[in-house]
Amino acid sequence: MKPDGNFGWCRKILEVDLSDESIKEISPPYELLRCYLGGRGLGVRLVYDNGRVTPLSPDNLLVFAAGPLTGTPTPASGRASVVTRSPATGTIFDANAGGKFGYELKRAGFDAIVLKGRADRPVILEIEDDEVEIRNGDDLWGCNLKETIRIMRQQGTGSIAAIGRAGERLLSIASIGVDGSHYFARGGVGAVMGSKKLKAIRIKGNGRISIFDEDAFSHHRRTIQRMLVASPTIDKGLKVFGTPVLVKIAEWMGILPVDNFRGGKFDARPLYGSRLRSEYPSKRRACPSCPIGCKREERGGGELPEYETIAMFGPNLLNDDLDLIIEANRICNDYGIDTISSGSIIATHGISDPCEIPGLVEEIGEGKIRLKGEVAVKGLELPGYDPRRVMGLGFSYATSNRGGCHTRAYMVAPEILKKPKAIDPLTLSGKAGYVKVFQDRFAAVDSLVVCKFAFFGVTEEEYANILTAVTGVEFRSEDLMMVGERIWNLERLYNIREGFGRADDTLPVHFFDGFSRDAFERTLDEYYAIRGWDENGVPKEETLMRLGLK
C-alpha cells in the first residue's frame, strides 16, 4: 500500500456560495495539502489566492479548516482554524478553537469549508456527511450564543459554530462560538460570518479517518501521551489549575498588564488560579483526543475565565474582584466578543469603579461603545503580558502577521515557562532568531491543527513521526519547520499586498521606555535578514524560490 494523499486528509473541500446558495465539492491537489498541511496553512493559501477584497465584502472568504491529524486519536489534535481577512486589522487572520467542530468536519469527509458570498436573509448551514442544506435562520437572528446553541441542540446533534448579536452587528471584535464553550475569538471573524448573514453552522460526521500505518501510529501516540504526563507544566499546572496558573507567575515576573499597561503595583493574589480552584468548584473539560483538559466549567455549567480574561478584566482595569471577572467573561461569551479586546476597550474608555465592568461589556456587545483599544499592534489589542519585561514576546507582538498576539510565536513558553529551555526575558539579544523559529514552528502546529500546550512536553519531532504514520508521507521535524516558514512568508506577502510594511512592525510608543528604540530597530534588521527579507521587510526572490512561493 502506497500513500496517495487519502490517509489523514479527506481530499475534499466544501465550497458554499451564500449569494446563490450553490454548493460544490472541490478536490484539492495533493501537493497543496502536503505543502500547507491543513488548518491555518490551507486557509491562508485559499484566502491569498482569492485576491484583494475588503473584510466585510461578499467576496471575502471565511475558511473553516481542520488538519491531517484532526479526527484521529492523536493527543491534543482536537482543534480547528478559521482564516479570513480581518475587519479589526486589515491583515490576513486566522483564529483557532477547540471543541468538536474540526473533529466533526473531518468525520463528515471534509478538510475545509470555504464560505463566500452573502445571503439575502439570515441562514443556517446544516451538514451531515455529504448532505448539505442552507435553511432559513430568521428565528435565531437576534439571539445571543447561549440561546442559539440551546435552540439548535433541541433540533439535532453535531457540533455548532455560531455568532451572537455582536457578529450580527458586524463588530470588529466579534467572535464565533463553538458548542457553547470554545471560541474563534480574535480579529472579528464573527463579523465576517455576520456579514454573510450566516448565523450558524451545524456539522455532524459519521465517517472515519484512514490511518496509513496503525501500528506506528499507536506507538507514536503512546510516546506523546507519556511525554505529556511527564511534563510538570502540564501535569501539575494546566491539568490542575488551567491557564489561570499563569496569574501568580506573571505577577512574580512583573508582567501583568497593570492599569492599561501603564504599570504600577497590583496585588493579584485574589485572582490566583489556586483561589479559583478552591472557591469555584469546577469540572475539568477537554477537547477531543486531549489528555490535558485545561478548560474549567463551574458545576452549574458556567464557564470560568482563562488567564487572558483574568488579566484584561483584572489588573488591566485595577480590579481584584473575581466575581466581576467571571460575569464579564460570561457576557463576552454570550454576545460573542473577544475578552482581550473588550478589556482593552474598557481600559481605553475608562472606569471609576470596577462594578461598572459588566455593564460596559454589555454596551460593547450591543455596539453602543465602538472604541478601539489604544494598546495595540496593527489594530489588534495586546494580550495580558507587558512586553517591557518579556522582550522576545514583545518583539513577537511587533512582527506578528495578525497584530498584537502572544500565540504567533508563543514566546510565553521559553521566556515565562522556561520551555523547552529558559531564555532571558529582559533582553532583545538573540531574540530575532528565537522569534523566527517559534513563529515558523507554531505556523506548522496551527496547520496540523494541534494545541500549543502540547509543546510544553513534546517537540515537533514527535508530531512529525505521528504525521508520517497517519499520512504515509515522510515528514521530519525540519519538514514541518519548512511548512511553517512557507506559511509565514505567504501571510507576509498578503499583508504587503494590502499595504503593510516595516512601519507596522512596531509597538505602541510608550513601551519604548522599557525597550531601547535603537536596539529594537537593530533586532528588526537582524530578523529581516534571518528571514531572507530586504530592509523593508519584503521577502527576497531567492527566499520565495526556496519556499516554493515563486
Protein backbone atom coordinates (compact mmCIF):
# COMPACT_ATOMS: atom_id res chain seq x y z
CA MET A 1 0.00 0.00 0.00
CA LYS A 2 1.38 3.38 -1.03
CA PRO A 3 0.49 6.79 0.38
CA ASP A 4 -1.78 8.64 -2.05
CA GLY A 5 -2.93 11.64 -0.04
CA ASN A 6 -6.10 9.87 1.10
CA PHE A 7 -4.71 8.97 4.52
CA GLY A 8 -5.20 11.66 7.17
CA TRP A 9 -6.61 14.05 4.57
CA CYS A 10 -10.11 13.69 3.16
CA ARG A 11 -9.08 15.31 -0.15
CA LYS A 12 -12.37 17.25 -0.21
CA ILE A 13 -13.21 20.90 0.40
CA LEU A 14 -16.84 22.02 0.67
CA GLU A 15 -17.43 25.36 -1.09
CA VAL A 16 -20.65 27.21 -0.30
CA ASP A 17 -21.64 30.42 -2.10
CA LEU A 18 -24.28 32.02 0.09
CA SER A 19 -25.26 34.55 -2.60
CA ASP A 20 -26.79 31.97 -4.94
CA GLU A 21 -26.86 29.04 -2.48
CA SER A 22 -24.67 26.94 -4.76
CA ILE A 23 -22.81 24.09 -3.09
CA LYS A 24 -19.94 22.11 -4.56
CA GLU A 25 -17.12 19.83 -3.54
CA ILE A 26 -13.55 20.57 -4.60
CA SER A 27 -10.73 18.04 -4.68
CA PRO A 28 -7.59 19.92 -3.60
CA PRO A 29 -4.32 18.83 -5.22
CA TYR A 30 -2.25 16.51 -3.06
CA GLU A 31 0.70 18.90 -3.35
CA LEU A 32 -1.39 21.70 -1.80
CA LEU A 33 -2.09 19.55 1.26
CA ARG A 34 1.50 18.34 1.55
CA CYS A 35 2.87 21.89 1.38
CA TYR A 36 0.32 23.55 3.69
CA LEU A 37 -0.97 20.56 5.76
CA GLY A 38 -4.41 21.96 6.67
CA GLY A 39 -5.87 24.31 9.26
CA ARG A 40 -4.16 27.69 9.19
CA GLY A 41 -1.86 26.86 6.29
CA LEU A 42 -4.56 25.58 3.95
CA GLY A 43 -6.81 28.51 4.84
CA VAL A 44 -4.05 31.05 4.25
CA ARG A 45 -3.33 29.63 0.79
CA LEU A 46 -7.02 29.73 -0.17
CA VAL A 47 -7.54 33.27 1.17
CA TYR A 48 -4.35 34.54 -0.51
CA ASP A 49 -5.37 33.07 -3.86
CA ASN A 50 -8.78 34.76 -3.59
CA GLY A 51 -7.12 38.12 -4.32
CA ARG A 52 -7.78 41.56 -2.89
CA VAL A 53 -11.04 42.04 -1.00
CA THR A 54 -12.39 44.22 1.78
CA PRO A 55 -13.06 42.34 5.04
CA LEU A 56 -16.86 42.65 5.10
CA SER A 57 -17.47 42.32 1.36
CA PRO A 58 -19.25 39.24 -0.01
CA ASP A 59 -16.03 38.35 -1.85
CA ASN A 60 -14.03 37.84 1.35
CA LEU A 61 -13.65 34.15 2.11
CA LEU A 62 -14.33 32.63 5.51
CA VAL A 63 -12.49 29.31 5.67
CA PHE A 64 -13.03 26.71 8.40
CA ALA A 65 -10.24 24.12 8.20
CA ALA A 66 -9.06 21.03 10.05
CA GLY A 67 -5.68 19.32 9.84
CA PRO A 68 -4.44 15.87 8.78
CA LEU A 69 -4.38 14.69 12.41
CA THR A 70 -7.85 16.03 13.24
CA GLY A 71 -10.38 13.27 13.81
CA THR A 72 -7.70 10.73 14.75
CA PRO A 73 -6.85 9.87 18.37
CA THR A 74 -3.64 11.92 18.14
CA PRO A 75 -3.20 13.65 21.52
CA ALA A 76 -4.14 17.37 21.55
CA SER A 77 -5.39 17.34 17.95
CA GLY A 78 -8.99 18.41 18.71
CA ARG A 79 -8.90 21.91 17.25
CA ALA A 80 -9.82 23.79 14.07
CA SER A 81 -8.87 27.05 12.36
CA VAL A 82 -10.78 29.91 10.74
CA VAL A 83 -8.97 32.06 8.16
CA THR A 84 -10.15 35.30 6.55
CA ARG A 85 -9.21 38.94 6.10
CA SER A 86 -9.81 40.65 9.44
CA PRO A 87 -12.09 43.68 9.83
CA ALA A 88 -10.16 44.53 13.01
CA THR A 89 -6.68 44.66 11.49
CA GLY A 90 -6.99 44.52 7.70
CA THR A 91 -4.40 41.73 7.76
CA ILE A 92 -4.84 38.12 6.84
CA PHE A 93 -6.05 36.47 10.02
CA ASP A 94 -6.50 33.03 11.48
CA ALA A 95 -8.30 32.15 14.69
CA ASN A 96 -8.07 28.80 16.44
CA ALA A 97 -10.61 26.99 18.64
CA GLY A 98 -11.06 23.71 20.44
CA GLY A 99 -14.26 21.73 20.72
CA LYS A 100 -15.69 19.18 18.31
CA PHE A 101 -16.08 21.29 15.17
CA GLY A 102 -12.85 20.16 13.50
CA TYR A 103 -13.47 16.57 14.58
CA GLU A 104 -16.97 16.54 13.02
CA LEU A 105 -15.71 18.35 9.91
CA LYS A 106 -13.19 15.62 9.20
CA ARG A 107 -15.61 12.80 10.02
CA ALA A 108 -18.09 14.38 7.61
CA GLY A 109 -15.42 13.91 4.94
CA PHE A 110 -14.04 17.43 4.50
CA ASP A 111 -10.68 19.09 5.12
CA ALA A 112 -12.25 22.54 4.96
CA ILE A 113 -15.38 24.59 4.35
CA VAL A 114 -14.98 27.67 2.16
CA LEU A 115 -17.75 30.24 2.56
CA LYS A 116 -18.20 33.12 0.15
CA GLY A 117 -20.94 35.48 -0.92
CA ARG A 118 -23.73 36.92 1.20
CA ALA A 119 -27.19 35.51 1.81
CA ASP A 120 -30.19 37.80 1.30
CA ARG A 121 -31.59 36.74 4.68
CA PRO A 122 -30.24 35.09 7.85
CA VAL A 123 -29.37 31.44 7.18
CA ILE A 124 -28.13 28.29 8.88
CA LEU A 125 -25.76 25.85 7.17
CA GLU A 126 -26.54 22.21 8.03
CA ILE A 127 -24.02 19.49 7.13
CA GLU A 128 -24.21 15.76 7.78
CA ASP A 129 -21.63 13.85 5.79
CA ASP A 130 -22.33 14.67 2.12
CA GLU A 131 -25.81 16.08 2.79
CA VAL A 132 -25.61 19.88 2.86
CA GLU A 133 -28.54 22.24 3.32
CA ILE A 134 -28.91 26.01 3.65
CA ARG A 135 -32.02 26.80 5.67
CA ASN A 136 -33.76 29.89 6.98
CA GLY A 137 -32.24 31.35 10.15
CA ASP A 138 -34.70 34.18 10.85
CA ASP A 139 -35.83 32.54 14.09
CA LEU A 140 -32.29 32.69 15.53
CA TRP A 141 -31.24 36.13 14.24
CA GLY A 142 -31.14 38.42 17.26
CA CYS A 143 -30.30 35.61 19.70
CA ASN A 144 -27.07 35.55 21.63
CA LEU A 145 -24.87 32.48 21.64
CA LYS A 146 -26.27 30.65 24.66
CA GLU A 147 -29.81 30.82 23.31
CA THR A 148 -28.71 29.97 19.77
CA ILE A 149 -26.86 26.85 20.90
CA ARG A 150 -29.76 25.79 23.17
CA ILE A 151 -32.32 26.02 20.38
CA MET A 152 -30.12 24.29 17.83
CA ARG A 153 -29.36 21.44 20.21
CA GLN A 154 -33.10 20.83 20.50
CA GLN A 155 -33.21 20.45 16.74
CA GLY A 156 -30.37 17.98 16.25
CA THR A 157 -26.92 16.74 17.19
CA GLY A 158 -23.46 17.60 15.93
CA SER A 159 -21.05 20.47 16.54
CA ILE A 160 -22.30 24.04 16.23
CA ALA A 161 -20.34 27.16 15.28
CA ALA A 162 -22.42 30.32 15.70
CA ILE A 163 -22.32 34.08 16.20
CA GLY A 164 -24.09 36.19 18.80
CA ARG A 165 -25.55 39.65 18.38
CA ALA A 166 -22.05 41.17 18.13
CA GLY A 167 -21.41 39.24 14.93
CA GLU A 168 -24.78 40.27 13.54
CA ARG A 169 -23.85 43.91 14.26
CA LEU A 170 -20.52 43.42 12.45
CA LEU A 171 -18.46 44.45 15.47
CA SER A 172 -14.74 44.21 14.73
CA ILE A 173 -14.18 42.21 17.94
CA ALA A 174 -16.96 39.67 17.26
CA SER A 175 -16.08 36.02 17.78
CA ILE A 176 -17.50 32.69 16.60
CA GLY A 177 -18.59 30.36 19.41
CA VAL A 178 -18.24 26.59 19.16
CA ASP A 179 -20.53 24.29 21.14
CA GLY A 180 -21.12 26.92 23.79
CA SER A 181 -17.68 26.83 25.39
CA HIS A 182 -14.97 27.32 22.74
CA TYR A 183 -14.28 30.39 20.63
CA PHE A 184 -12.65 31.54 17.42
CA ALA A 185 -12.15 34.66 19.45
CA ARG A 186 -9.96 37.32 17.90
CA GLY A 187 -9.82 39.53 14.84
CA GLY A 188 -13.54 39.97 14.20
CA VAL A 189 -14.02 36.64 12.44
CA GLY A 190 -17.59 36.68 13.81
CA ALA A 191 -18.22 39.95 11.96
CA VAL A 192 -17.16 38.32 8.68
CA MET A 193 -19.61 35.48 9.37
CA GLY A 194 -22.31 38.04 10.24
CA SER A 195 -21.62 40.00 7.05
CA LYS A 196 -22.54 36.85 5.13
CA LYS A 197 -25.84 36.63 7.07
CA LEU A 198 -24.73 33.21 8.30
CA LYS A 199 -25.96 32.73 11.86
CA ALA A 200 -24.65 29.23 12.48
CA ILE A 201 -23.19 26.04 11.06
CA ARG A 202 -24.11 22.63 12.38
CA ILE A 203 -21.91 19.75 11.26
CA LYS A 204 -22.13 16.05 12.01
CA GLY A 205 -19.88 13.36 10.60
CA ASN A 206 -20.24 9.60 10.72
CA GLY A 207 -17.09 8.62 8.86
CA ARG A 208 -13.65 7.53 9.99
CA ILE A 209 -10.24 8.98 9.18
CA SER A 210 -7.98 6.47 7.43
CA ILE A 211 -4.55 5.95 9.02
CA PHE A 212 -1.73 4.63 6.83
CA ASP A 213 0.21 2.68 9.49
CA GLU A 214 -1.93 1.81 12.52
CA ASP A 215 0.90 0.09 14.43
CA ALA A 216 3.31 3.01 14.04
CA PHE A 217 0.50 5.41 14.92
CA SER A 218 -0.24 3.55 18.16
CA HIS A 219 3.45 3.56 19.09
CA HIS A 220 3.90 7.29 18.50
CA ARG A 221 0.61 8.08 20.21
CA ARG A 222 1.76 6.29 23.37
CA THR A 223 5.08 8.15 23.22
CA ILE A 224 3.34 11.52 23.07
CA GLN A 225 0.98 10.55 25.90
CA ARG A 226 3.93 9.60 28.13
CA MET A 227 5.76 12.84 27.38
CA LEU A 228 2.70 14.95 28.17
CA VAL A 229 2.22 13.22 31.51
CA ALA A 230 5.92 13.68 32.30
CA SER A 231 5.71 17.48 31.85
CA PRO A 232 5.24 19.25 35.22
CA THR A 233 3.92 22.34 33.40
CA ILE A 234 1.08 20.21 32.06
CA ASP A 235 0.56 17.61 34.78
CA LYS A 236 0.96 19.88 37.83
CA GLY A 237 -0.08 23.16 36.21
CA LEU A 238 -2.57 23.18 33.33
CA LYS A 239 -4.28 19.95 34.36
CA VAL A 240 -4.82 21.18 37.91
CA PHE A 241 -5.48 24.91 37.52
CA GLY A 242 -5.99 25.53 33.80
CA THR A 243 -4.42 28.66 32.32
CA PRO A 244 -5.11 30.76 35.49
CA VAL A 245 -1.97 29.07 36.86
CA LEU A 246 -0.18 31.86 34.97
CA VAL A 247 -1.58 34.69 37.14
CA LYS A 248 0.83 34.04 40.01
CA ILE A 249 3.78 33.55 37.64
CA ALA A 250 3.01 36.75 35.72
CA GLU A 251 2.71 38.73 38.95
CA TRP A 252 6.04 37.39 40.19
CA MET A 253 7.70 38.35 36.89
CA GLY A 254 6.13 41.81 36.89
CA ILE A 255 4.44 41.32 33.52
CA LEU A 256 0.75 41.74 34.36
CA PRO A 257 -0.90 44.46 32.21
CA VAL A 258 -1.49 46.77 35.18
CA ASP A 259 -3.64 49.86 34.56
CA ASN A 260 -3.82 49.54 30.78
CA PHE A 261 -0.09 48.72 30.64
CA ARG A 262 0.87 51.89 32.49
CA GLY A 263 2.40 49.72 35.21
CA GLY A 264 2.38 50.10 38.96
CA LYS A 265 1.56 47.97 41.97
CA PHE A 266 -1.28 45.45 41.86
CA ASP A 267 -1.95 42.65 44.35
CA ALA A 268 -3.11 39.75 42.19
CA ARG A 269 -3.49 37.20 44.99
CA PRO A 270 -7.32 37.33 44.89
CA LEU A 271 -7.09 36.25 41.23
CA TYR A 272 -4.69 33.31 41.58
CA GLY A 273 -5.57 30.03 39.93
CA SER A 274 -5.41 28.32 43.34
CA ARG A 275 -8.22 30.58 44.62
CA LEU A 276 -10.31 30.00 41.51
CA ARG A 277 -9.89 26.26 42.02
CA SER A 278 -10.73 26.26 45.74
CA GLU A 279 -13.62 28.74 45.79
CA TYR A 280 -15.30 27.95 42.48
CA PRO A 281 -15.75 24.16 42.28
CA SER A 282 -15.41 23.17 38.66
CA LYS A 283 -15.28 20.30 36.22
CA ARG A 284 -12.25 19.77 34.01
CA ARG A 285 -13.10 19.85 30.31
CA ALA A 286 -11.00 18.62 27.40
CA CYS A 287 -11.19 18.88 23.63
CA PRO A 288 -11.45 15.61 21.64
CA SER A 289 -8.33 13.43 21.97
CA CYS A 290 -6.78 15.78 24.54
CA PRO A 291 -5.25 14.42 27.78
CA ILE A 292 -4.54 17.92 29.13
CA GLY A 293 -8.03 19.21 29.87
CA CYS A 294 -7.18 22.86 30.52
CA LYS A 295 -10.73 24.26 30.46
CA ARG A 296 -12.73 24.77 33.64
CA GLU A 297 -16.51 24.78 33.90
CA GLU A 298 -18.49 25.52 37.04
CA ARG A 299 -20.57 22.68 38.45
CA GLY A 300 -23.67 24.60 37.37
CA GLY A 301 -22.42 24.74 33.78
CA GLY A 302 -20.99 28.26 33.63
CA GLU A 303 -17.57 28.91 32.16
CA LEU A 304 -14.66 30.04 34.27
CA PRO A 305 -12.20 32.57 32.79
CA GLU A 306 -8.86 31.83 31.19
CA TYR A 307 -5.65 33.69 32.11
CA GLU A 308 -6.05 36.32 29.38
CA THR A 309 -9.55 37.18 30.53
CA ILE A 310 -8.45 37.47 34.16
CA ALA A 311 -5.51 39.68 33.16
CA MET A 312 -7.52 42.02 30.94
CA PHE A 313 -10.53 42.41 33.26
CA GLY A 314 -8.39 42.24 36.42
CA PRO A 315 -5.06 44.10 36.71
CA ASN A 316 -5.63 45.85 33.38
CA LEU A 317 -8.65 47.58 35.00
CA LEU A 318 -7.25 47.64 38.57
CA ASN A 319 -9.95 45.14 39.54
CA ASP A 320 -9.33 42.31 42.02
CA ASP A 321 -12.95 41.09 42.19
CA LEU A 322 -13.04 37.61 40.68
CA ASP A 323 -16.85 37.56 40.59
CA LEU A 324 -16.86 40.62 38.33
CA ILE A 325 -14.34 38.97 36.01
CA ILE A 326 -16.41 35.79 35.83
CA GLU A 327 -19.51 37.83 34.99
CA ALA A 328 -17.66 39.88 32.35
CA ASN A 329 -16.39 36.63 30.81
CA ARG A 330 -19.92 35.20 30.72
CA ILE A 331 -21.32 38.30 28.99
CA CYS A 332 -18.48 38.39 26.43
CA ASN A 333 -19.01 34.75 25.57
CA ASP A 334 -22.78 35.15 25.22
CA TYR A 335 -22.57 38.17 22.93
CA GLY A 336 -19.65 36.59 21.08
CA ILE A 337 -16.95 39.19 21.69
CA ASP A 338 -13.23 38.79 22.33
CA THR A 339 -12.38 39.16 26.02
CA ILE A 340 -8.87 40.52 25.39
CA SER A 341 -10.10 43.31 23.14
CA SER A 342 -13.09 44.01 25.40
CA GLY A 343 -10.86 44.52 28.43
CA SER A 344 -8.61 46.79 26.41
CA ILE A 345 -11.56 48.83 25.13
CA ILE A 346 -12.89 49.35 28.66
CA ALA A 347 -9.43 50.47 29.79
CA THR A 348 -9.36 52.98 26.93
CA HIS A 349 -12.91 54.13 27.74
CA GLY A 350 -12.07 54.44 31.43
CA ILE A 351 -13.96 53.43 34.58
CA SER A 352 -14.39 54.97 38.01
CA ASP A 353 -15.43 51.74 39.75
CA PRO A 354 -14.86 48.07 38.81
CA CYS A 355 -18.59 47.44 39.36
CA GLU A 356 -19.12 49.22 36.03
CA ILE A 357 -17.34 46.46 34.11
CA PRO A 358 -20.26 44.06 33.37
CA GLY A 359 -22.49 46.92 32.19
CA LEU A 360 -19.77 48.26 29.92
CA VAL A 361 -19.25 44.79 28.43
CA GLU A 362 -22.96 44.68 27.58
CA GLU A 363 -22.71 48.10 25.94
CA ILE A 364 -19.77 46.86 23.87
CA GLY A 365 -21.73 43.75 22.85
CA GLU A 366 -24.71 45.87 21.83
CA GLY A 367 -22.47 48.11 19.73
CA LYS A 368 -23.04 51.19 21.90
CA ILE A 369 -19.31 51.53 22.61
CA ARG A 370 -17.28 51.28 19.41
CA LEU A 371 -13.81 52.26 20.56
CA LYS A 372 -10.57 50.54 19.67
CA GLY A 373 -8.19 49.60 22.46
CA GLU A 374 -5.32 52.09 22.42
CA VAL A 375 -2.65 49.50 23.29
CA ALA A 376 -2.47 47.55 20.03
CA VAL A 377 -0.24 46.37 17.18
CA LYS A 378 -1.63 46.50 13.63
CA GLY A 379 -5.03 47.23 15.17
CA LEU A 380 -5.17 44.14 17.40
CA GLU A 381 -5.21 44.84 21.13
CA LEU A 382 -2.33 43.34 23.11
CA PRO A 383 -2.89 40.32 25.37
CA GLY A 384 -2.14 40.18 29.09
CA TYR A 385 1.68 40.28 29.19
CA ASP A 386 3.61 43.55 29.50
CA PRO A 387 6.29 43.35 26.77
CA ARG A 388 8.80 45.51 28.63
CA ARG A 389 9.79 42.57 30.83
CA VAL A 390 9.36 39.77 28.28
CA MET A 391 11.15 41.35 25.36
CA GLY A 392 11.10 38.41 22.98
CA LEU A 393 7.35 38.21 23.44
CA GLY A 394 7.16 41.95 22.80
CA PHE A 395 9.22 41.59 19.64
CA SER A 396 6.88 38.81 18.52
CA TYR A 397 3.90 41.17 19.05
CA ALA A 398 5.55 43.69 16.74
CA THR A 399 6.38 41.21 13.97
CA SER A 400 3.17 39.17 14.16
CA ASN A 401 1.33 38.82 10.87
CA ARG A 402 -2.04 39.19 12.58
CA GLY A 403 -1.23 42.03 15.00
CA GLY A 404 -0.71 42.08 18.77
CA CYS A 405 -0.82 38.41 19.65
CA HIS A 406 1.03 36.11 22.05
CA THR A 407 0.26 32.88 20.18
CA ARG A 408 2.04 33.59 16.88
CA ALA A 409 5.49 32.77 18.29
CA TYR A 410 4.23 31.75 21.73
CA MET A 411 7.32 33.11 23.47
CA VAL A 412 5.36 32.51 26.67
CA ALA A 413 6.97 29.06 26.53
CA PRO A 414 10.71 29.93 26.74
CA GLU A 415 10.54 33.35 28.42
CA ILE A 416 7.86 32.67 31.07
CA LEU A 417 7.53 28.90 31.47
CA LYS A 418 11.15 28.08 30.52
CA LYS A 419 10.11 25.52 27.88
CA PRO A 420 11.83 23.88 26.04
CA LYS A 421 14.59 25.80 27.83
CA ALA A 422 14.86 29.06 29.73
CA ILE A 423 15.94 32.22 27.94
CA ASP A 424 16.48 35.65 29.48
CA PRO A 425 13.25 37.67 29.08
CA LEU A 426 14.93 41.00 29.88
CA THR A 427 16.98 41.38 26.70
CA LEU A 428 16.44 41.57 22.95
CA SER A 429 19.82 39.97 22.32
CA GLY A 430 19.39 36.80 20.27
CA LYS A 431 15.61 37.18 20.12
CA ALA A 432 15.39 37.74 16.35
CA GLY A 433 16.38 34.13 15.72
CA TYR A 434 14.27 32.73 18.54
CA VAL A 435 11.16 34.57 17.39
CA LYS A 436 11.64 33.48 13.78
CA VAL A 437 11.98 29.82 14.77
CA PHE A 438 8.99 29.90 17.10
CA GLN A 439 6.83 31.70 14.54
CA ASP A 440 7.59 29.03 11.94
CA ARG A 441 7.09 26.21 14.45
CA PHE A 442 3.66 27.35 15.53
CA ALA A 443 2.52 28.17 12.00
CA ALA A 444 3.06 24.46 11.30
CA VAL A 445 1.43 23.44 14.60
CA ASP A 446 -1.63 25.57 13.75
CA SER A 447 -1.82 23.77 10.42
CA LEU A 448 -1.71 20.26 11.86
CA VAL A 449 -4.07 21.54 13.87
CA VAL A 450 -2.55 20.74 17.31
CA CYS A 451 -2.82 22.58 20.63
CA LYS A 452 0.25 24.65 21.50
CA PHE A 453 0.07 23.48 25.11
CA ALA A 454 1.26 20.04 23.99
CA PHE A 455 4.65 21.60 23.23
CA PHE A 456 5.30 22.14 26.93
CA GLY A 457 6.09 18.41 26.89
CA VAL A 458 6.58 17.34 23.28
CA THR A 459 8.62 18.60 20.32
CA GLU A 460 7.76 18.85 16.63
CA GLU A 461 9.77 15.64 16.08
CA GLU A 462 7.13 13.52 17.83
CA TYR A 463 4.37 15.13 15.79
CA ALA A 464 6.35 14.67 12.57
CA ASN A 465 6.57 10.96 13.42
CA ILE A 466 2.85 10.59 14.06
CA LEU A 467 2.01 12.65 10.95
CA THR A 468 4.12 10.22 8.92
CA ALA A 469 2.24 7.28 10.43
CA VAL A 470 -1.14 8.87 9.67
CA THR A 471 -0.47 10.05 6.10
CA GLY A 472 2.19 7.61 4.91
CA VAL A 473 4.18 10.63 3.72
CA GLU A 474 7.56 11.02 5.40
CA PHE A 475 7.74 14.19 7.47
CA ARG A 476 10.72 15.14 9.61
CA SER A 477 10.83 17.99 12.08
CA GLU A 478 12.72 20.12 9.55
CA ASP A 479 9.94 19.49 7.01
CA LEU A 480 7.38 20.86 9.45
CA MET A 481 9.58 23.89 10.04
CA MET A 482 9.76 24.46 6.28
CA VAL A 483 5.96 24.28 6.05
CA GLY A 484 5.70 26.83 8.85
CA GLU A 485 8.19 29.16 7.18
CA ARG A 486 6.29 28.89 3.89
CA ILE A 487 3.01 29.83 5.61
CA TRP A 488 4.61 32.74 7.47
CA ASN A 489 6.02 34.18 4.26
CA LEU A 490 2.73 33.78 2.39
CA GLU A 491 0.96 35.67 5.18
CA ARG A 492 3.61 38.37 4.88
CA LEU A 493 3.03 38.60 1.14
CA TYR A 494 -0.70 39.01 1.72
CA ASN A 495 -0.14 41.84 4.19
CA ILE A 496 2.36 43.58 1.89
CA ARG A 497 -0.22 43.38 -0.90
CA GLU A 498 -2.63 45.17 1.44
CA GLY A 499 -0.18 47.97 2.23
CA PHE A 500 1.55 46.76 5.42
CA GLY A 501 5.30 47.14 5.83
CA ARG A 502 8.16 47.88 8.17
CA ALA A 503 6.40 50.86 9.77
CA ASP A 504 3.73 48.47 11.07
CA ASP A 505 6.24 46.11 12.71
CA THR A 506 6.45 48.09 15.91
CA LEU A 507 4.98 48.55 19.39
CA PRO A 508 2.91 51.33 20.97
CA VAL A 509 5.29 54.21 21.56
CA HIS A 510 5.11 54.21 25.36
CA PHE A 511 6.65 50.73 25.52
CA PHE A 512 9.92 52.19 24.30
CA ASP A 513 10.53 53.50 27.79
CA GLY A 514 11.41 49.86 28.50
CA PHE A 515 12.89 48.99 25.12
CA SER A 516 15.76 50.83 23.52
CA ARG A 517 14.38 52.04 20.20
CA ASP A 518 17.81 51.59 18.61
CA ALA A 519 18.11 48.04 19.95
CA PHE A 520 14.61 47.27 18.68
CA GLU A 521 15.41 48.54 15.18
CA ARG A 522 18.69 46.59 15.12
CA THR A 523 16.82 43.45 16.15
CA LEU A 524 14.25 44.10 13.42
CA ASP A 525 17.06 44.40 10.85
CA GLU A 526 18.52 41.13 12.12
CA TYR A 527 15.11 39.44 11.99
CA TYR A 528 14.52 40.54 8.40
CA ALA A 529 17.97 39.27 7.41
CA ILE A 530 17.39 35.88 9.08
CA ARG A 531 14.06 35.60 7.28
CA GLY A 532 15.61 36.41 3.90
CA TRP A 533 13.72 39.68 3.58
CA ASP A 534 15.02 43.06 2.47
CA GLU A 535 15.44 46.06 4.79
CA ASN A 536 11.75 46.96 4.32
CA GLY A 537 10.55 43.51 5.32
CA VAL A 538 9.76 42.28 1.81
CA PRO A 539 10.70 38.63 1.12
CA LYS A 540 13.53 38.38 -1.40
CA GLU A 541 13.07 36.46 -4.63
CA GLU A 542 15.51 33.74 -3.57
CA THR A 543 13.56 33.23 -0.34
CA LEU A 544 10.32 32.81 -2.27
CA MET A 545 12.01 30.41 -4.69
CA ARG A 546 13.35 28.29 -1.83
CA LEU A 547 9.89 28.07 -0.25
CA GLY A 548 8.06 27.32 -3.49
CA LEU A 549 6.23 30.63 -3.43
CA LYS A 550 7.56 31.96 -6.74
